[in-house]
Amino acid sequence: MKPVADHLTHRITNPSSSQWEQKYDRIKRQYSPTMVQFICSVERAYADDDGSFVGLYSLLEYPLQRKARSWHRRIRWMTISIQEIQSALWERAWLTCEQYRPGRTQWLLYEQIRSGCDNTVRDLCRRHMTQQQQFERDTVALDELLEEQCHTEDAVIDSIAVQQFVEQLSSADRYILSAVADGQSLRQIASTVGTDYRTVRHRIEQLRQQYHSFISE
């Protein structure tokens, strides 16, 4: 229950405070007559409410549904359902009603509800975008990790295959491969093994073909 003084002092039908008169003059300048009438209806429903917000519910149902549809059209590129928006708006509206104290603010109840609901949807959009960005970052990180693991596994497999292949070669072939890995030229290798560089080049090509056949078995 709200204080009885608040109920009496801020009744719309018979305003008795200069504060209310100032607020009423402001909304008449700021809003259309229809909106002024609705704002006053919400204020009256709050003043007459017994704590159940039944009267406020019937007044706010249509404008909140309309606001939810409007926001849903504006953010239709996001995967936020209209039900999620409506739920957030109602939660914000009830919290505003519970926290509303007419004598402590220059803004009337519906003004606070409307402003709070807009901010709530903006926060909802920000949370959604943050979650989406985090999901994308996690997905990229996972892809990179899997790719890195694949490269590592391939390197290990290739290393084992090379070792098994080299073990079956003759000492001359193993020397040729070792010399190539060390960066020696074909002529240097040919001089060491006692042949010409064309023979060494041909043997290297044969070893390459043998290796591909070996790993494909």
C-alpha atoms as a PDB file:
ATOM      1  CA  MET A   1       0.000   0.000   0.000  1.00  0.00           C
ATOM      2  CA  LYS A   2       1.222   3.474  -0.868  1.00  0.00           C
ATOM      3  CA  PRO A   3       0.893   6.316   1.692  1.00  0.00           C
ATOM      4  CA  VAL A   4      -2.654   7.760   1.889  1.00  0.00           C
ATOM      5  CA  ALA A   5      -1.204  11.265   1.654  1.00  0.00           C
ATOM      6  CA  ASP A   6       0.178  10.493  -1.759  1.00  0.00           C
ATOM      7  CA  HIS A   7      -3.213   9.265  -2.912  1.00  0.00           C
ATOM      8  CA  LEU A   8      -5.036  12.369  -1.762  1.00  0.00           C
ATOM      9  CA  THR A   9      -2.443  14.966  -2.685  1.00  0.00           C
ATOM     10  CA  HIS A  10      -1.988  13.763  -6.238  1.00  0.00           C
ATOM     11  CA  ARG A  11      -5.523  12.843  -7.269  1.00  0.00           C
ATOM     12  CA  ILE A  12      -6.054  13.823 -10.870  1.00  0.00           C
ATOM     13  CA  THR A  13      -9.691  14.753 -10.424  1.00  0.00           C
ATOM     14  CA  ASN A  14      -8.949  17.397  -7.832  1.00  0.00           C
ATOM     15  CA  PRO A  15      -5.277  18.404  -7.794  1.00  0.00           C
ATOM     16  CA  SER A  16      -4.399  20.118  -4.553  1.00  0.00           C
ATOM     17  CA  SER A  17      -0.672  20.715  -4.882  1.00  0.00           C
ATOM     18  CA  SER A  18       1.356  23.225  -6.841  1.00  0.00           C
ATOM     19  CA  GLN A  19       3.676  20.378  -7.847  1.00  0.00           C
ATOM     20  CA  TRP A  20       0.878  18.562  -9.637  1.00  0.00           C
ATOM     21  CA  GLU A  21      -0.273  21.784 -11.287  1.00  0.00           C
ATOM     22  CA  GLN A  22       3.244  22.352 -12.609  1.00  0.00           C
ATOM     23  CA  LYS A  23       3.372  18.814 -13.970  1.00  0.00           C
ATOM     24  CA  TYR A  24      -0.048  19.186 -15.542  1.00  0.00           C
ATOM     25  CA  ASP A  25       0.928  22.466 -17.206  1.00  0.00           C
ATOM     26  CA  ARG A  26       4.092  20.825 -18.543  1.00  0.00           C
ATOM     27  CA  ILE A  27       2.400  17.797 -20.098  1.00  0.00           C
ATOM     28  CA  LYS A  28      -0.284  20.033 -21.684  1.00  0.00           C
ATOM     29  CA  ARG A  29       2.503  21.947 -23.441  1.00  0.00           C
ATOM     30  CA  GLN A  30       4.469  18.805 -24.312  1.00  0.00           C
ATOM     31  CA  TYR A  31       1.836  16.302 -25.454  1.00  0.00           C
ATOM     32  CA  SER A  32      -1.337  16.142 -27.500  1.00  0.00           C
ATOM     33  CA  PRO A  33      -4.695  16.371 -25.694  1.00  0.00           C
ATOM     34  CA  THR A  34      -5.272  12.652 -26.207  1.00  0.00           C
ATOM     35  CA  MET A  35      -1.892  11.774 -24.678  1.00  0.00           C
ATOM     36  CA  VAL A  36      -2.478  14.189 -21.783  1.00  0.00           C
ATOM     37  CA  GLN A  37      -5.783  12.478 -21.070  1.00  0.00           C
ATOM     38  CA  PHE A  38      -4.137   9.052 -21.118  1.00  0.00           C
ATOM     39  CA  ILE A  39      -1.257  10.146 -18.869  1.00  0.00           C
ATOM     40  CA  CYS A  40      -3.786  11.509 -16.392  1.00  0.00           C
ATOM     41  CA  SER A  41      -5.764   8.249 -16.573  1.00  0.00           C
ATOM     42  CA  VAL A  42      -2.661   6.268 -15.656  1.00  0.00           C
ATOM     43  CA  GLU A  43      -1.925   8.663 -12.803  1.00  0.00           C
ATOM     44  CA  ARG A  44      -5.502   8.351 -11.555  1.00  0.00           C
ATOM     45  CA  ALA A  45      -5.351   4.536 -11.736  1.00  0.00           C
ATOM     46  CA  TYR A  46      -2.149   4.593  -9.706  1.00  0.00           C
ATOM     47  CA  ALA A  47      -3.676   6.916  -7.100  1.00  0.00           C
ATOM     48  CA  ASP A  48      -6.765   4.702  -6.748  1.00  0.00           C
ATOM     49  CA  ASP A  49      -4.822   1.420  -6.848  1.00  0.00           C
ATOM     50  CA  ASP A  50      -4.894  -0.940  -3.875  1.00  0.00           C
ATOM     51  CA  GLY A  51      -1.517  -2.486  -4.691  1.00  0.00           C
ATOM     52  CA  SER A  52      -2.742  -5.070  -7.203  1.00  0.00           C
ATOM     53  CA  PHE A  53      -2.196  -2.849 -10.296  1.00  0.00           C
ATOM     54  CA  VAL A  54      -5.352  -4.312 -11.882  1.00  0.00           C
ATOM     55  CA  GLY A  55      -6.533  -0.945 -13.159  1.00  0.00           C
ATOM     56  CA  LEU A  56      -3.045  -0.106 -14.420  1.00  0.00           C
ATOM     57  CA  TYR A  57      -2.850  -3.427 -16.239  1.00  0.00           C
ATOM     58  CA  SER A  58      -5.988  -2.749 -18.257  1.00  0.00           C
ATOM     59  CA  LEU A  59      -4.710   0.722 -19.162  1.00  0.00           C
ATOM     60  CA  LEU A  60      -1.160  -0.324 -20.054  1.00  0.00           C
ATOM     61  CA  GLU A  61      -1.937  -3.552 -21.925  1.00  0.00           C
ATOM     62  CA  TYR A  62      -2.607  -1.987 -25.323  1.00  0.00           C
ATOM     63  CA  PRO A  63       0.160   0.663 -25.352  1.00  0.00           C
ATOM     64  CA  LEU A  64       2.763  -1.879 -24.212  1.00  0.00           C
ATOM     65  CA  GLN A  65       1.664  -4.365 -26.879  1.00  0.00           C
ATOM     66  CA  ARG A  66       1.834  -1.594 -29.457  1.00  0.00           C
ATOM     67  CA  LYS A  67       5.307  -0.567 -28.268  1.00  0.00           C
ATOM     68  CA  ALA A  68       6.476  -4.195 -28.405  1.00  0.00           C
ATOM     69  CA  ARG A  69       5.272  -4.530 -32.018  1.00  0.00           C
ATOM     70  CA  SER A  70       6.928  -1.239 -32.940  1.00  0.00           C
ATOM     71  CA  TRP A  71      10.266  -2.283 -31.431  1.00  0.00           C
ATOM     72  CA  HIS A  72      10.031  -5.733 -33.015  1.00  0.00           C
ATOM     73  CA  ARG A  73       9.685  -4.149 -36.459  1.00  0.00           C
ATOM     74  CA  ARG A  74      12.646  -1.846 -35.787  1.00  0.00           C
ATOM     75  CA  ILE A  75      14.942  -4.695 -34.713  1.00  0.00           C
ATOM     76  CA  ARG A  76      13.550  -7.401 -37.005  1.00  0.00           C
ATOM     77  CA  TRP A  77      17.106  -8.163 -38.207  1.00  0.00           C
ATOM     78  CA  MET A  78      17.844  -9.467 -34.698  1.00  0.00           C
ATOM     79  CA  THR A  79      16.705 -12.866 -33.502  1.00  0.00           C
ATOM     80  CA  ILE A  80      14.664 -11.392 -30.645  1.00  0.00           C
ATOM     81  CA  SER A  81      11.057 -12.575 -30.497  1.00  0.00           C
ATOM     82  CA  ILE A  82       8.167 -10.226 -29.838  1.00  0.00           C
ATOM     83  CA  GLN A  83       7.290 -12.348 -26.793  1.00  0.00           C
ATOM     84  CA  GLU A  84      10.739 -11.661 -25.345  1.00  0.00           C
ATOM     85  CA  ILE A  85      10.251  -7.934 -25.928  1.00  0.00           C
ATOM     86  CA  GLN A  86       6.776  -7.956 -24.360  1.00  0.00           C
ATOM     87  CA  SER A  87       8.047  -9.817 -21.316  1.00  0.00           C
ATOM     88  CA  ALA A  88      10.861  -7.295 -20.842  1.00  0.00           C
ATOM     89  CA  LEU A  89       8.455  -4.363 -21.218  1.00  0.00           C
ATOM     90  CA  TRP A  90       5.974  -5.697 -18.672  1.00  0.00           C
ATOM     91  CA  GLU A  91       8.739  -6.435 -16.202  1.00  0.00           C
ATOM     92  CA  ARG A  92      10.024  -2.887 -16.575  1.00  0.00           C
ATOM     93  CA  ALA A  93       6.513  -1.414 -16.297  1.00  0.00           C
ATOM     94  CA  TRP A  94       5.713  -3.249 -13.051  1.00  0.00           C
ATOM     95  CA  LEU A  95       9.063  -2.323 -11.535  1.00  0.00           C
ATOM     96  CA  THR A  96       8.410   1.320 -12.404  1.00  0.00           C
ATOM     97  CA  CYS A  97       4.958   1.171 -10.822  1.00  0.00           C
ATOM     98  CA  GLU A  98       6.369  -0.347  -7.644  1.00  0.00           C
ATOM     99  CA  GLN A  99       9.120   2.256  -7.366  1.00  0.00           C
ATOM    100  CA  TYR A 100       7.029   5.257  -8.389  1.00  0.00           C
ATOM    101  CA  ARG A 101       6.693   8.025  -5.794  1.00  0.00           C
ATOM    102  CA  PRO A 102       4.772  11.023  -7.217  1.00  0.00           C
ATOM    103  CA  GLY A 103       6.177  13.584  -4.803  1.00  0.00           C
ATOM    104  CA  ARG A 104       9.791  12.732  -5.526  1.00  0.00           C
ATOM    105  CA  THR A 105       9.992  13.217  -9.286  1.00  0.00           C
ATOM    106  CA  GLN A 106       8.953  15.740 -11.903  1.00  0.00           C
ATOM    107  CA  TRP A 107       7.908  12.970 -14.309  1.00  0.00           C
ATOM    108  CA  LEU A 108       4.519  11.312 -14.206  1.00  0.00           C
ATOM    109  CA  LEU A 109       4.116   7.560 -14.074  1.00  0.00           C
ATOM    110  CA  TYR A 110       3.395   6.849 -17.742  1.00  0.00           C
ATOM    111  CA  GLU A 111       6.281   9.079 -18.808  1.00  0.00           C
ATOM    112  CA  GLN A 112       8.607   7.009 -16.652  1.00  0.00           C
ATOM    113  CA  ILE A 113       7.122   3.746 -17.924  1.00  0.00           C
ATOM    114  CA  ARG A 114       7.512   4.778 -21.554  1.00  0.00           C
ATOM    115  CA  SER A 115      11.096   5.982 -21.087  1.00  0.00           C
ATOM    116  CA  GLY A 116      12.043   2.946 -18.995  1.00  0.00           C
ATOM    117  CA  CYS A 117      10.570   0.526 -21.531  1.00  0.00           C
ATOM    118  CA  ASP A 118      12.527   2.088 -24.389  1.00  0.00           C
ATOM    119  CA  ASN A 119      15.744   1.828 -22.380  1.00  0.00           C
ATOM    120  CA  THR A 120      14.888  -1.771 -21.488  1.00  0.00           C
ATOM    121  CA  VAL A 121      14.591  -2.786 -25.152  1.00  0.00           C
ATOM    122  CA  ARG A 122      17.862  -1.000 -25.933  1.00  0.00           C
ATOM    123  CA  ASP A 123      19.538  -2.948 -23.128  1.00  0.00           C
ATOM    124  CA  LEU A 124      17.997  -6.136 -24.498  1.00  0.00           C
ATOM    125  CA  CYS A 125      19.465  -5.372 -27.921  1.00  0.00           C
ATOM    126  CA  ARG A 126      22.875  -4.644 -26.434  1.00  0.00           C
ATOM    127  CA  ARG A 127      22.870  -7.914 -24.495  1.00  0.00           C
ATOM    128  CA  HIS A 128      21.815  -9.795 -27.607  1.00  0.00           C
ATOM    129  CA  MET A 129      24.585  -8.204 -29.688  1.00  0.00           C
ATOM    130  CA  THR A 130      27.157  -8.890 -26.965  1.00  0.00           C
ATOM    131  CA  GLN A 131      26.093 -12.528 -26.766  1.00  0.00           C
ATOM    132  CA  GLN A 132      26.176 -12.821 -30.553  1.00  0.00           C
ATOM    133  CA  GLN A 133      29.644 -11.278 -30.731  1.00  0.00           C
ATOM    134  CA  GLN A 134      30.866 -13.582 -27.957  1.00  0.00           C
ATOM    135  CA  PHE A 135      29.392 -16.566 -29.801  1.00  0.00           C
ATOM    136  CA  GLU A 136      31.159 -15.518 -33.001  1.00  0.00           C
ATOM    137  CA  ARG A 137      34.447 -15.020 -31.140  1.00  0.00           C
ATOM    138  CA  ASP A 138      34.116 -18.429 -29.493  1.00  0.00           C
ATOM    139  CA  THR A 139      33.263 -20.034 -32.824  1.00  0.00           C
ATOM    140  CA  VAL A 140      36.288 -18.471 -34.538  1.00  0.00           C
ATOM    141  CA  ALA A 141      38.532 -19.442 -31.632  1.00  0.00           C
ATOM    142  CA  LEU A 142      37.232 -23.023 -31.764  1.00  0.00           C
ATOM    143  CA  ASP A 143      37.766 -23.212 -35.521  1.00  0.00           C
ATOM    144  CA  GLU A 144      41.310 -21.925 -35.132  1.00  0.00           C
ATOM    145  CA  LEU A 145      41.997 -24.377 -32.325  1.00  0.00           C
ATOM    146  CA  LEU A 146      40.681 -27.320 -34.343  1.00  0.00           C
ATOM    147  CA  GLU A 147      42.674 -26.197 -37.356  1.00  0.00           C
ATOM    148  CA  GLU A 148      45.801 -25.881 -35.234  1.00  0.00           C
ATOM    149  CA  GLN A 149      45.207 -29.331 -33.758  1.00  0.00           C
ATOM    150  CA  CYS A 150      44.730 -30.773 -37.235  1.00  0.00           C
ATOM    151  CA  HIS A 151      48.005 -29.221 -38.391  1.00  0.00           C
ATOM    152  CA  THR A 152      49.780 -30.621 -35.326  1.00  0.00           C
ATOM    153  CA  GLU A 153      48.315 -34.092 -35.804  1.00  0.00           C
ATOM    154  CA  ASP A 154      49.206 -34.038 -39.510  1.00  0.00           C
ATOM    155  CA  ALA A 155      52.757 -33.025 -38.656  1.00  0.00           C
ATOM    156  CA  VAL A 156      53.095 -35.900 -36.176  1.00  0.00           C
ATOM    157  CA  ILE A 157      51.646 -38.398 -38.645  1.00  0.00           C
ATOM    158  CA  ASP A 158      53.937 -37.122 -41.417  1.00  0.00           C
ATOM    159  CA  SER A 159      56.942 -37.330 -39.100  1.00  0.00           C
ATOM    160  CA  ILE A 160      56.190 -40.967 -38.236  1.00  0.00           C
ATOM    161  CA  ALA A 161      55.626 -41.828 -41.900  1.00  0.00           C
ATOM    162  CA  VAL A 162      58.922 -40.223 -42.928  1.00  0.00           C
ATOM    163  CA  GLN A 163      60.782 -42.092 -40.227  1.00  0.00           C
ATOM    164  CA  GLN A 164      59.293 -45.423 -41.281  1.00  0.00           C
ATOM    165  CA  PHE A 165      60.038 -44.714 -44.929  1.00  0.00           C
ATOM    166  CA  VAL A 166      63.662 -43.709 -44.323  1.00  0.00           C
ATOM    167  CA  GLU A 167      64.329 -46.809 -42.214  1.00  0.00           C
ATOM    168  CA  GLN A 168      63.731 -49.047 -45.229  1.00  0.00           C
ATOM    169  CA  LEU A 169      66.134 -47.152 -47.524  1.00  0.00           C
ATOM    170  CA  SER A 170      69.713 -47.971 -48.292  1.00  0.00           C
ATOM    171  CA  SER A 171      72.502 -46.006 -46.642  1.00  0.00           C
ATOM    172  CA  ALA A 172      73.191 -44.189 -49.950  1.00  0.00           C
ATOM    173  CA  ASP A 173      69.567 -43.077 -50.294  1.00  0.00           C
ATOM    174  CA  ARG A 174      69.464 -41.999 -46.648  1.00  0.00           C
ATOM    175  CA  TYR A 175      72.595 -39.930 -47.213  1.00  0.00           C
ATOM    176  CA  ILE A 176      71.095 -38.244 -50.281  1.00  0.00           C
ATOM    177  CA  LEU A 177      67.969 -37.269 -48.365  1.00  0.00           C
ATOM    178  CA  SER A 178      70.015 -36.048 -45.413  1.00  0.00           C
ATOM    179  CA  ALA A 179      72.243 -33.984 -47.692  1.00  0.00           C
ATOM    180  CA  VAL A 180      69.235 -32.429 -49.432  1.00  0.00           C
ATOM    181  CA  ALA A 181      67.753 -31.547 -46.023  1.00  0.00           C
ATOM    182  CA  ASP A 182      71.076 -29.930 -45.065  1.00  0.00           C
ATOM    183  CA  GLY A 183      70.908 -27.714 -48.156  1.00  0.00           C
ATOM    184  CA  GLN A 184      73.716 -29.257 -50.174  1.00  0.00           C
ATOM    185  CA  SER A 185      73.637 -28.787 -53.932  1.00  0.00           C
ATOM    186  CA  LEU A 186      73.160 -31.682 -56.365  1.00  0.00           C
ATOM    187  CA  ARG A 187      76.762 -31.368 -57.520  1.00  0.00           C
ATOM    188  CA  GLN A 188      78.061 -31.564 -53.938  1.00  0.00           C
ATOM    189  CA  ILE A 189      76.007 -34.674 -53.273  1.00  0.00           C
ATOM    190  CA  ALA A 190      77.060 -36.232 -56.579  1.00  0.00           C
ATOM    191  CA  SER A 191      80.721 -35.602 -55.769  1.00  0.00           C
ATOM    192  CA  THR A 192      80.367 -37.299 -52.378  1.00  0.00           C
ATOM    193  CA  VAL A 193      78.579 -40.424 -53.648  1.00  0.00           C
ATOM    194  CA  GLY A 194      80.749 -40.641 -56.794  1.00  0.00           C
ATOM    195  CA  THR A 195      78.252 -39.966 -59.552  1.00  0.00           C
ATOM    196  CA  ASP A 196      77.001 -37.054 -61.642  1.00  0.00           C
ATOM    197  CA  TYR A 197      74.347 -34.571 -60.512  1.00  0.00           C
ATOM    198  CA  ARG A 198      71.796 -35.779 -63.107  1.00  0.00           C
ATOM    199  CA  THR A 199      71.808 -39.221 -61.507  1.00  0.00           C
ATOM    200  CA  VAL A 200      71.336 -37.661 -58.075  1.00  0.00           C
ATOM    201  CA  ARG A 201      68.423 -35.555 -59.341  1.00  0.00           C
ATOM    202  CA  HIS A 202      66.797 -38.617 -60.911  1.00  0.00           C
ATOM    203  CA  ARG A 203      67.261 -40.611 -57.694  1.00  0.00           C
ATOM    204  CA  ILE A 204      65.680 -37.854 -55.609  1.00  0.00           C
ATOM    205  CA  GLU A 205      62.645 -37.869 -57.901  1.00  0.00           C
ATOM    206  CA  GLN A 206      62.416 -41.661 -57.566  1.00  0.00           C
ATOM    207  CA  LEU A 207      62.565 -41.394 -53.770  1.00  0.00           C
ATOM    208  CA  ARG A 208      59.807 -38.783 -53.819  1.00  0.00           C
ATOM    209  CA  GLN A 209      57.541 -41.062 -55.835  1.00  0.00           C
ATOM    210  CA  GLN A 210      58.349 -43.999 -53.564  1.00  0.00           C
ATOM    211  CA  TYR A 211      57.447 -41.921 -50.519  1.00  0.00           C
ATOM    212  CA  HIS A 212      54.064 -40.904 -51.946  1.00  0.00           C
ATOM    213  CA  SER A 213      53.332 -44.514 -52.755  1.00  0.00           C
ATOM    214  CA  PHE A 214      54.414 -45.522 -49.251  1.00  0.00           C
ATOM    215  CA  ILE A 215      52.097 -43.117 -47.404  1.00  0.00           C
ATOM    216  CA  SER A 216      49.144 -43.936 -49.669  1.00  0.00           C
ATOM    217  CA  GLU A 217      49.264 -47.623 -48.885  1.00  0.00           C
END
